[in-house]
Amino acid sequence: MTVVELYFLGNSVIELNGEYVSEITIFKNGIKEFTFTGLGAESMTPKKLAAMQKETLR
């Protein structure tokens, strides 16, 4: 199980930091990467949203 999965299952950042100190940077990036924004079919990850915005600017 990944640190991100443990976070979404209800473990606090402080608890996870105590056990997975070296993985906290990965954890923070993972939260950003796997947290969906929007509703239903319109939801997407911030990473995908940033890619779409970058493509729009071209």
N, C-alpha and C. Protein backbone atom coordinates (compact mmCIF):
# COMPACT_ATOMS: atom_id res chain seq x y z
N MET A 1 0.85 -1.17 0.00
CA MET A 1 0.00 0.00 0.00
C MET A 1 0.90 1.24 0.00
N THR A 2 0.56 2.23 -0.79
CA THR A 2 1.37 3.44 -0.88
C THR A 2 1.02 4.42 0.24
N VAL A 3 1.89 5.38 0.45
CA VAL A 3 1.66 6.40 1.45
C VAL A 3 0.41 7.20 1.11
N VAL A 4 0.20 7.47 -0.16
CA VAL A 4 -0.99 8.21 -0.59
C VAL A 4 -2.25 7.43 -0.25
N GLU A 5 -2.24 6.12 -0.50
CA GLU A 5 -3.41 5.29 -0.17
C GLU A 5 -3.67 5.31 1.33
N LEU A 6 -2.61 5.23 2.13
CA LEU A 6 -2.77 5.29 3.59
C LEU A 6 -3.38 6.62 4.01
N TYR A 7 -2.96 7.71 3.36
CA TYR A 7 -3.53 9.03 3.67
C TYR A 7 -5.02 9.06 3.36
N PHE A 8 -5.39 8.55 2.19
CA PHE A 8 -6.80 8.57 1.81
C PHE A 8 -7.65 7.62 2.64
N LEU A 9 -7.01 6.68 3.33
CA LEU A 9 -7.73 5.78 4.24
C LEU A 9 -7.90 6.39 5.63
N GLY A 10 -7.38 7.61 5.83
CA GLY A 10 -7.62 8.30 7.08
C GLY A 10 -6.43 8.52 7.98
N ASN A 11 -5.25 8.07 7.58
CA ASN A 11 -4.06 8.32 8.37
C ASN A 11 -3.64 9.78 8.22
N SER A 12 -3.22 10.40 9.31
CA SER A 12 -2.82 11.80 9.25
C SER A 12 -1.40 11.92 8.70
N VAL A 13 -1.08 13.12 8.23
CA VAL A 13 0.27 13.39 7.72
C VAL A 13 1.29 13.18 8.83
N ILE A 14 0.95 13.58 10.03
CA ILE A 14 1.88 13.43 11.16
C ILE A 14 2.17 11.95 11.43
N GLU A 15 1.13 11.12 11.41
CA GLU A 15 1.32 9.68 11.62
C GLU A 15 2.20 9.09 10.52
N LEU A 16 1.91 9.45 9.31
CA LEU A 16 2.67 8.91 8.19
C LEU A 16 4.10 9.43 8.20
N ASN A 17 4.29 10.67 8.60
CA ASN A 17 5.63 11.25 8.67
C ASN A 17 6.50 10.48 9.66
N GLY A 18 5.90 10.03 10.76
CA GLY A 18 6.64 9.27 11.76
C GLY A 18 7.13 7.93 11.24
N GLU A 19 6.38 7.32 10.34
CA GLU A 19 6.73 6.00 9.83
C GLU A 19 7.47 6.05 8.50
N TYR A 20 7.18 7.06 7.71
CA TYR A 20 7.71 7.10 6.34
C TYR A 20 8.42 8.43 6.07
N VAL A 21 9.35 8.80 6.92
CA VAL A 21 10.01 10.10 6.83
C VAL A 21 10.61 10.32 5.45
N SER A 22 11.28 9.34 4.89
CA SER A 22 11.94 9.53 3.60
C SER A 22 10.95 9.61 2.45
N GLU A 23 9.70 9.23 2.67
CA GLU A 23 8.72 9.23 1.60
C GLU A 23 7.79 10.44 1.62
N ILE A 24 8.01 11.38 2.52
CA ILE A 24 7.09 12.51 2.63
C ILE A 24 7.08 13.36 1.38
N THR A 25 8.21 13.56 0.73
CA THR A 25 8.22 14.33 -0.52
C THR A 25 7.40 13.63 -1.57
N ILE A 26 7.56 12.32 -1.67
CA ILE A 26 6.76 11.53 -2.61
C ILE A 26 5.28 11.65 -2.24
N PHE A 27 5.01 11.61 -0.95
CA PHE A 27 3.65 11.73 -0.44
C PHE A 27 3.01 13.04 -0.87
N LYS A 28 3.71 14.14 -0.65
CA LYS A 28 3.17 15.45 -1.00
C LYS A 28 2.90 15.55 -2.50
N ASN A 29 3.82 15.05 -3.30
CA ASN A 29 3.62 15.06 -4.75
C ASN A 29 2.49 14.11 -5.14
N GLY A 30 2.38 12.99 -4.46
CA GLY A 30 1.32 12.03 -4.75
C GLY A 30 -0.06 12.58 -4.46
N ILE A 31 -0.18 13.32 -3.37
CA ILE A 31 -1.46 13.94 -3.03
C ILE A 31 -1.89 14.86 -4.16
N LYS A 32 -0.97 15.66 -4.65
CA LYS A 32 -1.28 16.57 -5.75
C LYS A 32 -1.64 15.81 -7.01
N GLU A 33 -0.93 14.73 -7.25
CA GLU A 33 -1.14 13.98 -8.49
C GLU A 33 -2.42 13.17 -8.49
N PHE A 34 -2.83 12.66 -7.34
CA PHE A 34 -3.97 11.75 -7.30
C PHE A 34 -5.25 12.34 -6.72
N THR A 35 -5.23 13.60 -6.33
CA THR A 35 -6.42 14.24 -5.81
C THR A 35 -7.21 14.83 -6.97
N PHE A 36 -8.43 14.38 -7.14
CA PHE A 36 -9.26 14.83 -8.25
C PHE A 36 -9.98 16.12 -7.89
N THR A 37 -10.13 16.98 -8.90
CA THR A 37 -10.91 18.20 -8.75
C THR A 37 -12.06 18.14 -9.75
N GLY A 38 -13.14 18.79 -9.44
CA GLY A 38 -14.31 18.77 -10.32
C GLY A 38 -15.29 17.69 -9.91
N LEU A 39 -16.34 17.54 -10.69
CA LEU A 39 -17.39 16.59 -10.37
C LEU A 39 -17.64 15.63 -11.53
N GLY A 40 -17.89 14.38 -11.20
CA GLY A 40 -18.28 13.37 -12.19
C GLY A 40 -17.32 13.26 -13.35
N ALA A 41 -17.88 13.28 -14.56
CA ALA A 41 -17.07 13.13 -15.78
C ALA A 41 -16.13 14.30 -15.98
N GLU A 42 -16.39 15.41 -15.31
CA GLU A 42 -15.56 16.61 -15.45
C GLU A 42 -14.36 16.60 -14.50
N SER A 43 -14.24 15.59 -13.63
CA SER A 43 -13.15 15.58 -12.67
C SER A 43 -11.84 15.17 -13.32
N MET A 44 -10.75 15.73 -12.81
CA MET A 44 -9.42 15.39 -13.30
C MET A 44 -8.40 15.73 -12.23
N THR A 45 -7.20 15.20 -12.39
CA THR A 45 -6.14 15.50 -11.45
C THR A 45 -5.54 16.86 -11.78
N PRO A 46 -4.93 17.51 -10.80
CA PRO A 46 -4.27 18.78 -11.08
C PRO A 46 -3.20 18.66 -12.16
N LYS A 47 -2.53 17.51 -12.21
CA LYS A 47 -1.50 17.28 -13.22
C LYS A 47 -2.12 17.29 -14.62
N LYS A 48 -3.26 16.64 -14.78
CA LYS A 48 -3.93 16.61 -16.07
C LYS A 48 -4.47 18.00 -16.42
N LEU A 49 -4.99 18.70 -15.44
CA LEU A 49 -5.50 20.05 -15.66
C LEU A 49 -4.37 20.97 -16.14
N ALA A 50 -3.21 20.88 -15.50
CA ALA A 50 -2.07 21.71 -15.90
C ALA A 50 -1.64 21.38 -17.33
N ALA A 51 -1.66 20.11 -17.70
CA ALA A 51 -1.31 19.71 -19.06
C ALA A 51 -2.30 20.27 -20.07
N MET A 52 -3.58 20.23 -19.73
CA MET A 52 -4.60 20.78 -20.62
C MET A 52 -4.45 22.29 -20.77
N GLN A 53 -4.15 22.98 -19.67
CA GLN A 53 -3.97 24.42 -19.73
C GLN A 53 -2.74 24.78 -20.55
N LYS A 54 -1.67 24.01 -20.41
CA LYS A 54 -0.46 24.24 -21.18
C LYS A 54 -0.75 24.06 -22.68
N GLU A 55 -1.50 23.02 -23.00
CA GLU A 55 -1.86 22.76 -24.40
C GLU A 55 -2.74 23.89 -24.96
N THR A 56 -3.62 24.41 -24.14
CA THR A 56 -4.50 25.50 -24.56
C THR A 56 -3.71 26.76 -24.90
N LEU A 57 -2.62 26.99 -24.17
CA LEU A 57 -1.81 28.18 -24.40
C LEU A 57 -1.01 28.12 -25.70
N ARG A 58 -0.89 26.97 -26.28
CA ARG A 58 -0.11 26.84 -27.53
C ARG A 58 -0.81 27.47 -28.68
